[in-house]
């Protein structure tokens, strides 16, 4: 019955949605936020809902100048639609997961609309094209980096969707001459800019410029044969009045959307040019970033992050370099530039992280999906043995997806669940939230309280200075129960951190009765290891009620507990 209402492509897209949805939404109801970057997105969204300020994002009551607020807007909207009174972990995880599913569907339609020689509208609705779309979508959702990124609350999966949409719209407008797609192109750039600033422009403009130079010196397509489509032939931008008006309209939409947020943000946040340079440019330098890696970091890590699709790329690159020109080769050159130029360009920067690479991976999936179908079509015209081997390769590719899905299901219910419990400050934040009265002030001793702790604690934390004679209300406020102090430690910032909590006797007694202190995931008192005079130095010791105890909280990826060292 469904088939009578849906076209073959619509049925394929529905299948892609279901398969991708399983990978990115499986076990989402039991996930926890364990990365500080995830906590930033979620906590900023909560403060948007608390303050009603959708222009200037805030974290812990202070303006957050590092990133535009689109990712937190999406979480806040998701929270409103879900009817939750405040942001939940699931509200934070749904937008990236939906972005990943939407990206897989986009890649399917991207490849499924490209006709192959000998296929027409009546030829099974383009069976080879549909197969390419399915292979491309599966190639994307099987990538370990994409699965990991689609299952966390960071913003990069939505940036990847915006980047892919920009390339898709550019391709439709340039190759097919469909001027209306320029509007979609500029809207995609605007959405990406509102999510992560100029990063989407860096991911797009250099690659397209290199592609334009490559096209200039590349061989021209042969004339289209009778009965075949020449829509994919490369075009040159037509500087007619109509085209100019479309470009002006698109640019106007881009700047209207960006400046509608940007101008009020600049006016109300007080951001200076120096601050903009620091956040937009200098933070990628070796002196200011905390994510310095070797120049070859991406060359070594992109292949395993994009398996199994990457296995096809060396052979496909050789075929494209040595093979004759065909109607879709200019598109493939664009995809190669999308991947290759960004790998080279970002390798020159000091700051390198896995999630920076997510917007490049649709290009890998496009090349893999298109290349696999070209191999299958070539095998039809050759000897039976090669045809059998190539067809077997296609079945292996589909089998790998099934294997990846099964492995993810096991991982999500075992290792991922364990890592969530060990690395997330959820248990700590929820206990603080449950036991500390809402009218009690929370104080941050070191001024680097981690965002995922703030998310789970659920309220702002005040700064407490050791240099003052009396902390803010510390000696007079009888509701003072707790001081938070976060200190980074170890070489694995996402897996190893220290949280120091200063509390009074009453709260400590209640915590002891609620927590299993024999577990490496639980709180442990440092009073066993040193006196309070050592743990609480300076004027701070004069401002806290007697009997205060410092508790050490530490999670390790290995689950191993090391005796804590008192802070100095």
Protein backbone atom coordinates (compact mmCIF):
# COMPACT_ATOMS: atom_id res chain seq x y z
CA UNK A 1 0.00 0.00 0.00
CA UNK A 2 2.83 2.38 0.80
CA UNK A 3 4.41 1.88 -2.58
CA UNK A 4 1.33 3.18 -4.39
CA UNK A 5 1.70 6.54 -2.71
CA UNK A 6 5.49 6.93 -2.65
CA UNK A 7 7.90 7.11 -5.55
CA UNK A 8 10.96 4.83 -5.54
CA UNK A 9 13.16 7.73 -4.43
CA UNK A 10 10.77 8.62 -1.63
CA UNK A 11 10.81 5.02 -0.41
CA UNK A 12 14.61 5.03 -0.54
CA UNK A 13 14.77 8.29 1.41
CA UNK A 14 12.41 6.87 4.02
CA UNK A 15 14.63 3.81 4.36
CA UNK A 16 17.71 6.03 4.75
CA UNK A 17 15.91 8.05 7.43
CA UNK A 18 14.99 4.93 9.38
CA UNK A 19 18.47 3.41 9.16
CA UNK A 20 20.25 6.65 10.04
CA UNK A 21 17.72 7.37 12.77
CA UNK A 22 18.53 4.07 14.43
CA UNK A 23 22.25 4.87 14.47
CA UNK A 24 21.90 8.38 15.86
CA UNK A 25 18.88 8.03 18.16
CA UNK A 26 19.49 4.57 19.61
CA UNK A 27 19.56 4.69 23.42
CA UNK A 28 19.38 8.49 23.38
CA UNK A 29 17.00 8.47 26.35
CA UNK A 30 19.77 7.07 28.57
CA UNK A 31 22.66 9.26 27.43
CA UNK A 32 24.60 11.78 29.52
CA UNK A 33 26.59 14.86 28.62
CA UNK A 34 30.25 14.23 29.34
CA UNK A 35 32.16 16.86 27.33
CA UNK A 36 32.53 20.48 28.40
CA UNK A 37 31.72 21.61 24.84
CA UNK A 38 28.39 19.77 25.03
CA UNK A 39 27.69 21.42 28.36
CA UNK A 40 28.28 24.84 26.86
CA UNK A 41 25.63 24.34 24.19
CA UNK A 42 23.09 22.99 26.66
CA UNK A 43 23.77 25.49 29.43
CA UNK A 44 23.64 28.48 27.06
CA UNK A 45 20.29 27.19 25.79
CA UNK A 46 19.02 27.01 29.37
CA UNK A 47 20.10 30.57 30.05
CA UNK A 48 18.36 31.68 26.85
CA UNK A 49 15.13 30.21 28.22
CA UNK A 50 15.75 31.65 31.70
CA UNK A 51 16.52 35.20 30.56
CA UNK A 52 14.55 35.39 27.32
CA UNK A 53 17.64 36.88 25.68
CA UNK A 54 18.03 35.24 22.23
CA UNK A 55 20.61 37.77 21.04
CA UNK A 56 23.53 37.63 23.48
CA UNK A 57 24.30 34.07 24.58
CA UNK A 58 25.26 33.73 28.24
CA UNK A 59 27.19 31.07 30.13
CA UNK A 60 27.08 31.24 33.91
CA UNK A 61 25.54 34.69 33.67
CA UNK A 62 28.38 36.11 31.56
CA UNK A 63 28.19 36.93 27.82
CA UNK A 64 29.65 34.12 25.74
CA UNK A 65 31.58 35.75 22.90
CA UNK A 66 33.29 32.68 21.45
CA UNK A 67 30.50 31.33 19.20
CA UNK A 68 27.24 32.52 17.63
CA UNK A 69 24.14 31.09 19.32
CA UNK A 70 22.44 29.03 16.57
CA UNK A 71 23.29 25.66 18.14
CA UNK A 72 21.86 26.78 21.47
CA UNK A 73 18.83 28.28 19.71
CA UNK A 74 18.08 24.84 18.28
CA UNK A 75 18.34 23.22 21.72
CA UNK A 76 16.12 25.90 23.27
CA UNK A 77 13.52 25.46 20.50
CA UNK A 78 13.64 21.69 20.96
CA UNK A 79 13.05 22.18 24.69
CA UNK A 80 10.04 24.38 24.05
CA UNK A 81 8.59 21.92 21.53
CA UNK A 82 9.10 19.01 23.91
CA UNK A 83 7.29 20.84 26.68
CA UNK A 84 10.08 20.26 29.18
CA UNK A 85 10.34 22.91 31.90
CA UNK A 86 14.10 23.12 31.33
CA UNK A 87 16.75 21.74 28.98
CA UNK A 88 17.27 18.00 29.28
CA UNK A 89 20.10 15.88 27.93
CA UNK A 90 17.78 14.57 25.23
CA UNK A 91 16.84 18.12 24.17
CA UNK A 92 20.56 18.82 23.68
CA UNK A 93 21.18 15.61 21.73
CA UNK A 94 18.20 15.74 19.36
CA UNK A 95 19.35 18.63 17.07
CA UNK A 96 22.72 17.00 16.18
CA UNK A 97 21.03 13.64 15.65
CA UNK A 98 18.38 15.19 13.39
CA UNK A 99 21.14 17.04 11.52
CA UNK A 100 22.94 13.74 10.89
CA UNK A 101 19.76 12.09 9.58
CA UNK A 102 18.99 15.10 7.38
CA UNK A 103 22.54 15.04 6.02
CA UNK A 104 22.23 11.35 5.09
CA UNK A 105 18.93 12.04 3.27
CA UNK A 106 20.47 15.03 1.48
CA UNK A 107 23.35 12.87 0.23
CA UNK A 108 20.88 10.28 -1.03
CA UNK A 109 18.95 12.82 -3.14
CA UNK A 110 22.22 14.46 -4.21
CA UNK A 111 23.48 11.28 -5.87
CA UNK A 112 20.08 9.83 -6.81
CA UNK A 113 19.32 12.74 -9.13
CA UNK A 114 22.50 12.29 -11.18
CA UNK A 115 21.55 10.19 -14.22
CA UNK A 116 24.02 7.73 -15.66
CA UNK A 117 24.48 7.11 -19.37
CA UNK A 118 21.62 5.08 -20.79
CA UNK A 119 19.21 5.88 -17.97
CA UNK A 120 16.08 7.87 -18.48
CA UNK A 121 13.06 8.79 -16.44
CA UNK A 122 11.43 5.47 -17.24
CA UNK A 123 14.46 3.32 -16.44
CA UNK A 124 13.42 2.16 -12.98
CA UNK A 125 13.50 5.79 -11.88
CA UNK A 126 17.28 5.72 -12.41
CA UNK A 127 18.26 2.51 -10.66
CA UNK A 128 21.99 3.18 -10.79
CA UNK A 129 21.48 6.72 -9.52
CA UNK A 130 19.31 5.45 -6.66
CA UNK A 131 21.94 2.84 -5.81
CA UNK A 132 24.59 5.57 -5.73
CA UNK A 133 22.42 7.59 -3.37
CA UNK A 134 21.93 4.63 -1.04
CA UNK A 135 25.63 3.77 -1.06
CA UNK A 136 26.59 7.38 -0.40
CA UNK A 137 24.16 7.74 2.51
CA UNK A 138 25.31 4.44 4.02
CA UNK A 139 28.96 5.44 3.57
CA UNK A 140 28.33 8.60 5.59
CA UNK A 141 26.43 7.06 8.50
CA UNK A 142 28.95 4.22 8.88
CA UNK A 143 31.88 6.58 9.48
CA UNK A 144 33.04 6.32 13.10
CA UNK A 145 33.58 10.07 13.37
CA UNK A 146 30.10 10.83 12.03
CA UNK A 147 28.44 8.33 14.37
CA UNK A 148 30.30 9.80 17.34
CA UNK A 149 29.55 13.39 16.39
CA UNK A 150 25.89 12.72 15.65
CA UNK A 151 25.50 11.23 19.12
CA UNK A 152 26.87 14.20 21.07
CA UNK A 153 25.53 17.71 21.73
CA UNK A 154 28.28 19.67 19.98
CA UNK A 155 27.44 22.00 17.11
CA UNK A 156 29.57 20.50 14.35
CA UNK A 157 27.02 18.11 12.88
CA UNK A 158 24.70 21.03 12.10
CA UNK A 159 27.67 22.89 10.61
CA UNK A 160 28.31 19.84 8.40
CA UNK A 161 24.67 19.89 7.27
CA UNK A 162 24.89 23.60 6.42
CA UNK A 163 28.19 23.10 4.58
CA UNK A 164 26.82 20.19 2.53
CA UNK A 165 23.66 22.17 1.74
CA UNK A 166 25.80 25.08 0.52
CA UNK A 167 27.81 22.80 -1.79
CA UNK A 168 24.64 21.10 -3.04
CA UNK A 169 22.89 24.38 -3.82
CA UNK A 170 26.03 25.74 -5.47
CA UNK A 171 26.27 22.60 -7.61
CA UNK A 172 22.62 22.83 -8.69
CA UNK A 173 22.93 26.51 -9.51
CA UNK A 174 26.27 26.22 -11.35
CA UNK A 175 25.89 22.97 -13.27
CA UNK A 176 22.14 22.94 -13.86
CA UNK A 177 21.64 26.65 -14.36
CA UNK A 178 18.83 26.73 -11.77
CA UNK A 179 19.19 30.28 -10.48
CA UNK A 180 16.77 29.76 -7.59
CA UNK A 181 19.30 27.47 -5.90
CA UNK A 182 21.56 30.47 -5.31
CA UNK A 183 19.05 31.61 -2.69
CA UNK A 184 19.36 28.25 -0.93
CA UNK A 185 23.14 28.55 -1.16
CA UNK A 186 23.23 31.88 0.67
CA UNK A 187 20.68 30.70 3.26
CA UNK A 188 22.87 27.67 4.02
CA UNK A 189 25.92 29.92 4.42
CA UNK A 190 23.97 32.19 6.76
CA UNK A 191 22.80 29.26 8.92
CA UNK A 192 26.36 27.94 9.13
CA UNK A 193 27.71 31.40 9.97
CA UNK A 194 25.19 31.80 12.79
CA UNK A 195 26.35 28.45 14.18
CA UNK A 196 30.14 28.67 14.04
CA UNK A 197 31.02 32.00 12.52
CA UNK A 198 33.32 32.17 9.53
CA UNK A 199 34.26 28.46 9.69
CA UNK A 200 31.74 27.57 6.97
CA UNK A 201 33.30 30.17 4.68
CA UNK A 202 36.74 28.66 5.28
CA UNK A 203 35.35 25.20 4.48
CA UNK A 204 33.75 26.43 1.25
CA UNK A 205 35.50 29.34 -0.45
CA UNK A 206 39.12 28.04 -0.78
CA UNK A 207 37.90 24.68 -2.10
CA UNK A 208 35.69 26.31 -4.73
CA UNK A 209 38.46 28.67 -5.82
CA UNK A 210 40.88 25.76 -6.30
CA UNK A 211 38.17 23.85 -8.15
CA UNK A 212 37.62 26.83 -10.46
CA UNK A 213 41.32 26.88 -11.36
CA UNK A 214 41.30 23.12 -11.89
CA UNK A 215 38.29 23.39 -14.18
CA UNK A 216 39.97 26.11 -16.19
CA UNK A 217 42.78 23.79 -17.23
CA UNK A 218 40.78 20.53 -17.30
CA UNK A 219 39.67 18.91 -20.59
CA UNK A 220 36.24 19.89 -21.83
CA UNK A 221 33.36 17.42 -21.85
CA UNK A 222 32.68 15.64 -25.15
CA UNK A 223 29.39 16.58 -26.85
CA UNK A 224 26.41 14.84 -25.26
CA UNK A 225 25.25 11.77 -27.13
CA UNK A 226 21.75 11.58 -28.50
CA UNK A 227 19.23 10.61 -25.84
CA UNK A 228 21.50 11.50 -22.93
CA UNK A 229 21.38 14.47 -20.63
CA UNK A 230 23.99 17.22 -20.83
CA UNK A 231 22.71 18.92 -17.71
CA UNK A 232 25.82 17.99 -15.81
CA UNK A 233 28.14 19.78 -18.21
CA UNK A 234 30.09 22.58 -16.54
CA UNK A 235 28.70 26.04 -17.02
CA UNK A 236 30.16 29.48 -16.75
CA UNK A 237 28.45 32.07 -14.61
CA UNK A 238 26.18 34.12 -16.83
CA UNK A 239 26.45 37.78 -15.95
CA UNK A 240 23.00 38.69 -17.19
CA UNK A 241 20.84 41.20 -15.39
CA UNK A 242 18.68 38.39 -14.04
CA UNK A 243 21.69 36.49 -12.69
CA UNK A 244 23.05 39.66 -11.12
CA UNK A 245 19.73 40.33 -9.40
CA UNK A 246 19.67 36.79 -8.00
CA UNK A 247 23.19 37.20 -6.61
CA UNK A 248 22.30 40.56 -5.06
CA UNK A 249 19.16 39.06 -3.53
CA UNK A 250 21.10 36.09 -2.15
CA UNK A 251 23.83 38.26 -0.67
CA UNK A 252 21.17 40.55 0.76
CA UNK A 253 19.49 37.60 2.48
CA UNK A 254 22.83 36.42 3.86
CA UNK A 255 23.73 39.77 5.36
CA UNK A 256 20.17 40.44 6.52
CA UNK A 257 20.10 37.20 8.51
CA UNK A 258 23.62 37.55 9.89
CA UNK A 259 23.36 41.24 10.74
CA UNK A 260 19.87 40.88 12.23
CA UNK A 261 21.61 39.00 15.00
CA UNK A 262 25.14 40.43 14.69
CA UNK A 263 24.40 44.15 15.09
CA UNK A 264 22.32 43.85 18.28
CA UNK A 265 24.86 41.34 19.59
CA UNK A 266 27.77 43.73 19.06
CA UNK A 267 25.85 46.59 20.61
CA UNK A 268 24.70 44.72 23.70
CA UNK A 269 27.65 42.40 24.35
CA UNK A 270 30.34 45.08 24.21
CA UNK A 271 32.57 42.86 22.09
CA UNK A 272 35.64 44.73 20.85
CA UNK A 273 37.67 44.25 17.69
CA UNK A 274 40.50 42.81 19.75
CA UNK A 275 38.16 40.27 21.29
CA UNK A 276 36.86 39.37 17.85
CA UNK A 277 40.39 38.79 16.55
CA UNK A 278 41.19 36.66 19.59
CA UNK A 279 38.11 34.47 19.23
CA UNK A 280 37.97 34.37 15.45
CA UNK A 281 41.61 34.16 14.42
CA UNK A 282 44.18 34.08 17.23
CA UNK A 283 42.53 31.12 18.99
CA UNK A 284 43.81 28.89 16.18
CA UNK A 285 47.42 29.84 16.81
CA UNK A 286 49.80 27.69 18.80
CA UNK A 287 50.14 30.28 21.57
CA UNK A 288 46.45 30.59 22.38
CA UNK A 289 44.87 27.23 21.62
CA UNK A 290 44.78 24.23 23.89
CA UNK A 291 44.39 21.78 20.99
CA UNK A 292 47.81 21.85 19.33
CA UNK A 293 48.62 18.79 17.23
CA UNK A 294 51.32 17.86 14.72
CA UNK A 295 50.94 19.07 11.12
CA UNK A 296 50.17 15.53 9.92
CA UNK A 297 47.39 14.98 12.48
CA UNK A 298 44.59 14.95 9.89
CA UNK A 299 46.56 12.88 7.38
CA UNK A 300 46.91 10.16 9.99
CA UNK A 301 43.41 10.33 11.45
CA UNK A 302 40.99 11.16 8.63
CA UNK A 303 41.33 7.66 7.05
CA UNK A 304 40.28 5.71 10.17
CA UNK A 305 37.62 8.28 10.99
CA UNK A 306 35.98 7.77 7.57
CA UNK A 307 36.20 3.99 7.24
CA UNK A 308 35.11 1.97 5.34
CA UNK A 309 34.40 4.57 2.63
CA UNK A 310 37.99 5.80 2.64
CA UNK A 311 39.19 2.42 1.38
CA UNK A 312 37.72 3.26 -2.03
CA UNK A 313 39.28 6.70 -2.36
CA UNK A 314 42.83 5.82 -3.54
CA UNK A 315 41.48 3.71 -6.41
CA UNK A 316 38.81 6.27 -7.30
CA UNK A 317 41.39 9.06 -7.30
CA UNK A 318 43.57 7.09 -9.71
CA UNK A 319 40.58 6.41 -12.00
CA UNK A 320 39.54 10.06 -12.01
CA UNK A 321 43.10 11.22 -12.71
CA UNK A 322 43.78 8.79 -15.56
CA UNK A 323 40.28 8.14 -16.92
CA UNK A 324 38.54 10.00 -19.75
CA UNK A 325 36.31 12.98 -19.21
CA UNK A 326 32.64 12.21 -18.52
CA UNK A 327 29.57 14.27 -17.76
CA UNK A 328 29.92 14.09 -13.97
CA UNK A 329 33.69 14.46 -13.68
CA UNK A 330 33.52 18.24 -13.02
CA UNK A 331 31.27 17.52 -10.05
CA UNK A 332 33.69 14.93 -8.74
CA UNK A 333 36.52 17.45 -9.03
CA UNK A 334 34.49 19.74 -6.78
CA UNK A 335 34.08 16.92 -4.25
CA UNK A 336 37.81 16.14 -4.34
CA UNK A 337 38.58 19.83 -3.70
CA UNK A 338 36.05 19.91 -0.88
CA UNK A 339 37.97 17.16 0.90
CA UNK A 340 41.57 17.72 -0.19
CA UNK A 341 41.80 21.50 0.09
CA UNK A 342 40.31 21.47 3.58
CA UNK A 343 42.63 18.71 4.80
CA UNK A 344 45.63 20.70 3.56
CA UNK A 345 44.37 24.08 4.74
CA UNK A 346 43.38 23.00 8.25
CA UNK A 347 46.62 21.06 8.62
CA UNK A 348 48.43 24.41 8.48
CA UNK A 349 46.61 25.62 11.62
CA UNK A 350 47.92 24.78 15.06
CA UNK A 351 44.51 23.92 16.52
CA UNK A 352 43.28 20.51 15.40
CA UNK A 353 40.38 18.45 16.69
CA UNK A 354 38.26 15.62 15.33
CA UNK A 355 35.06 17.60 15.14
CA UNK A 356 36.69 20.23 12.91
CA UNK A 357 36.74 17.59 10.16
CA UNK A 358 33.04 16.63 10.17
CA UNK A 359 32.00 19.16 7.46
CA UNK A 360 34.45 17.51 5.00
CA UNK A 361 33.07 13.98 5.25
CA UNK A 362 30.03 14.38 2.97
CA UNK A 363 32.58 14.70 0.15
CA UNK A 364 34.03 11.30 1.07
CA UNK A 365 30.54 9.76 1.05
CA UNK A 366 29.68 11.34 -2.32
CA UNK A 367 32.88 10.04 -3.91
CA UNK A 368 32.39 6.57 -2.41
CA UNK A 369 28.73 6.24 -3.40
CA UNK A 370 29.28 7.50 -6.95
CA UNK A 371 32.47 5.48 -7.38
CA UNK A 372 30.98 2.20 -6.20
CA UNK A 373 28.12 2.44 -8.68
CA UNK A 374 30.52 3.29 -11.50
CA UNK A 375 32.48 0.14 -10.64
CA UNK A 376 29.29 -1.92 -10.68
CA UNK A 377 28.22 -0.52 -14.03
CA UNK A 378 31.63 -1.16 -15.52
CA UNK A 379 31.55 -4.75 -14.29
CA UNK A 380 28.34 -5.44 -16.25
CA UNK A 381 30.17 -5.06 -19.52
CA UNK A 382 33.19 -7.15 -18.56
CA UNK A 383 33.86 -10.83 -17.82
CA UNK A 384 31.56 -12.73 -15.42
CA UNK A 385 34.27 -13.21 -12.78
CA UNK A 386 34.89 -9.48 -12.43
CA UNK A 387 31.14 -8.86 -12.42
CA UNK A 388 30.75 -11.38 -9.60
CA UNK A 389 33.62 -9.86 -7.59
CA UNK A 390 32.31 -6.32 -7.99
CA UNK A 391 28.76 -7.30 -7.07
CA UNK A 392 30.10 -9.15 -4.04
CA UNK A 393 31.87 -5.94 -3.04
CA UNK A 394 28.54 -4.10 -3.05
CA UNK A 395 26.95 -6.74 -0.83
CA UNK A 396 29.93 -6.56 1.50
CA UNK A 397 29.43 -2.78 1.73
CA UNK A 398 25.80 -3.24 2.76
CA UNK A 399 26.83 -6.01 5.15
CA UNK A 400 29.31 -3.65 6.76
CA UNK A 401 26.47 -1.24 7.48
CA UNK A 402 24.53 -4.01 9.22
CA UNK A 403 27.66 -4.92 11.17
CA UNK A 404 28.18 -1.27 12.12
CA UNK A 405 24.58 -1.00 13.30
CA UNK A 406 24.89 -4.11 15.42
CA UNK A 407 28.22 -3.00 16.85
CA UNK A 408 26.76 0.40 17.70
CA UNK A 409 23.83 -1.21 19.49
CA UNK A 410 26.23 -3.23 21.62
CA UNK A 411 28.52 -0.22 22.17
CA UNK A 412 25.64 2.08 23.14
CA UNK A 413 24.41 -0.35 25.77
CA UNK A 414 27.82 -1.28 27.20
CA UNK A 415 30.92 0.85 26.59
CA UNK A 416 29.12 4.11 25.83
CA UNK A 417 26.88 3.69 28.88
CA UNK A 418 29.93 2.98 31.04
CA UNK A 419 31.81 5.97 29.68
CA UNK A 420 28.80 8.20 30.28
CA UNK A 421 28.71 7.07 33.90
CA UNK A 422 32.46 7.44 34.42
CA UNK A 423 33.17 10.65 32.50
CA UNK A 424 30.00 12.68 32.96
CA UNK A 425 29.59 14.91 36.03
CA UNK A 426 25.88 14.03 35.98
CA UNK A 427 25.91 12.18 39.30
CA UNK A 428 27.77 14.99 41.01
CA UNK A 429 25.61 17.76 39.55
CA UNK A 430 22.34 16.02 40.33
CA UNK A 431 23.33 15.35 43.95
CA UNK A 432 24.34 18.99 44.41
CA UNK A 433 21.09 20.08 42.82
CA UNK A 434 19.03 17.77 44.99
CA UNK A 435 20.71 18.55 48.32
CA UNK A 436 21.59 22.25 48.08
CA UNK A 437 18.64 24.62 48.59
CA UNK A 438 17.76 26.87 45.67
CA UNK A 439 18.42 30.00 47.72
CA UNK A 440 21.95 28.89 48.61
CA UNK A 441 24.74 30.51 46.66
CA UNK A 442 27.26 28.38 44.81
CA UNK A 443 30.78 29.76 44.58
CA UNK A 444 33.46 29.00 42.04
CA UNK A 445 36.83 29.08 43.71
CA UNK A 446 39.04 28.82 40.63
CA UNK A 447 36.84 30.62 38.08
CA UNK A 448 37.06 27.73 35.61
CA UNK A 449 33.99 25.76 36.59
CA UNK A 450 33.39 23.39 33.67
CA UNK A 451 30.26 23.97 31.55
CA UNK A 452 28.97 20.40 31.81
CA UNK A 453 29.08 20.73 35.61
CA UNK A 454 27.14 23.99 35.35
CA UNK A 455 24.56 22.22 33.18
CA UNK A 456 23.93 19.48 35.70
CA UNK A 457 24.09 21.78 38.74
CA UNK A 458 21.48 23.86 36.95
CA UNK A 459 22.26 27.35 38.18
CA UNK A 460 24.91 30.04 38.02
CA UNK A 461 28.01 29.86 40.21
CA UNK A 462 29.52 32.97 41.77
CA UNK A 463 33.20 33.80 41.84
CA UNK A 464 34.90 33.52 45.21
CA UNK A 465 38.25 35.26 45.69
CA UNK A 466 40.97 34.12 48.08
CA UNK A 467 42.35 37.65 48.18
CA UNK A 468 39.39 39.24 49.97
CA UNK A 469 39.04 39.50 53.74
CA UNK A 470 35.55 38.11 53.40
CA UNK A 471 34.12 36.25 50.47
CA UNK A 472 30.84 37.50 49.03
CA UNK A 473 28.43 36.62 51.83
CA UNK A 474 30.67 33.79 52.95
CA UNK A 475 30.77 34.73 56.65
CA UNK A 476 27.25 36.13 56.96
CA UNK A 477 25.10 34.07 54.63
CA UNK A 478 23.84 31.13 56.67
CA UNK A 479 22.65 29.45 53.45
CA UNK A 480 26.19 29.11 52.14
CA UNK A 481 26.61 25.38 51.71
CA UNK A 482 29.01 24.76 48.90
CA UNK A 483 31.90 26.17 46.90
CA UNK A 484 32.71 24.65 43.52
CA UNK A 485 36.23 24.68 42.18
CA UNK A 486 37.21 22.93 38.97
CA UNK A 487 40.80 22.17 38.10
CA UNK A 488 41.90 20.60 34.83
CA UNK A 489 44.32 17.70 35.19
CA UNK A 490 45.92 14.99 33.11
CA UNK A 491 46.52 14.68 29.39
CA UNK A 492 42.95 13.59 28.60
CA UNK A 493 40.79 16.64 29.35
CA UNK A 494 37.60 14.85 28.30
CA UNK A 495 38.34 11.80 30.44
CA UNK A 496 40.21 13.03 33.47
CA UNK A 497 39.36 16.05 35.56
CA UNK A 498 39.19 17.12 39.20
CA UNK A 499 36.29 18.81 40.91
CA UNK A 500 36.74 20.21 44.41
CA UNK A 501 33.71 20.87 46.54
CA UNK A 502 33.78 22.72 49.82
CA UNK A 503 30.76 21.96 52.03
CA UNK A 504 29.74 22.11 55.64
CA UNK A 505 29.26 19.26 58.07
CA UNK A 506 25.52 18.90 57.62
CA UNK A 507 25.66 18.53 53.86
CA UNK A 508 28.63 16.17 54.08
CA UNK A 509 26.72 13.91 56.44
CA UNK A 510 23.81 13.75 54.04
CA UNK A 511 26.05 13.13 51.04
CA UNK A 512 27.82 10.28 52.85
CA UNK A 513 24.52 8.55 53.44
CA UNK A 514 23.51 8.86 49.79
CA UNK A 515 26.69 7.92 47.92
CA UNK A 516 28.75 4.77 47.64
CA UNK A 517 32.18 6.02 48.65
CA UNK A 518 33.82 2.75 47.65
CA UNK A 519 33.11 3.39 43.97
CA UNK A 520 35.73 5.14 41.79
CA UNK A 521 32.87 7.20 40.41
CA UNK A 522 31.83 8.55 43.80
CA UNK A 523 33.00 11.44 45.97
CA UNK A 524 35.89 10.84 48.32
CA UNK A 525 36.83 12.99 51.31
CA UNK A 526 40.32 14.38 51.43
CA UNK A 527 40.11 14.80 55.18
CA UNK A 528 41.63 11.33 55.46
CA UNK A 529 44.77 12.49 53.66
CA UNK A 530 45.43 15.94 55.10
CA UNK A 531 44.17 18.45 57.62
CA UNK A 532 41.70 21.15 56.69
CA UNK A 533 44.41 23.77 57.25
CA UNK A 534 46.35 22.26 54.35
CA UNK A 535 43.31 21.88 52.16
CA UNK A 536 41.85 25.30 52.83
CA UNK A 537 44.61 27.88 52.64
CA UNK A 538 44.71 31.60 53.10
CA UNK A 539 41.80 33.80 54.11
CA UNK A 540 39.31 31.30 52.79
CA UNK A 541 39.68 29.16 55.94
CA UNK A 542 38.52 32.10 58.08
CA UNK A 543 35.33 32.55 56.14
CA UNK A 544 33.98 29.03 56.21
CA UNK A 545 32.20 27.51 59.17
CA UNK A 546 34.32 25.12 61.19
CA UNK A 547 34.27 21.49 60.22
CA UNK A 548 34.33 22.15 56.48
CA UNK A 549 35.46 19.19 54.42
CA UNK A 550 36.98 19.17 50.97
CA UNK A 551 35.72 16.39 48.72
CA UNK A 552 37.55 15.15 45.67
CA UNK A 553 35.65 13.92 42.62
CA UNK A 554 37.54 12.19 39.86
CA UNK A 555 36.51 9.94 36.98
CA UNK A 556 38.92 8.02 34.82
CA UNK A 557 38.35 6.33 31.49
CA UNK A 558 39.97 3.23 32.93
CA UNK A 559 37.92 3.38 36.12
CA UNK A 560 41.15 3.36 38.14
CA UNK A 561 41.29 5.43 41.30
CA UNK A 562 44.43 7.37 42.20
CA UNK A 563 44.85 8.80 45.71
CA UNK A 564 44.03 12.50 45.41
CA UNK A 565 46.65 15.16 45.92
CA UNK A 566 45.45 18.19 47.93
CA UNK A 567 45.38 21.42 45.87
CA UNK A 568 47.97 24.05 46.65
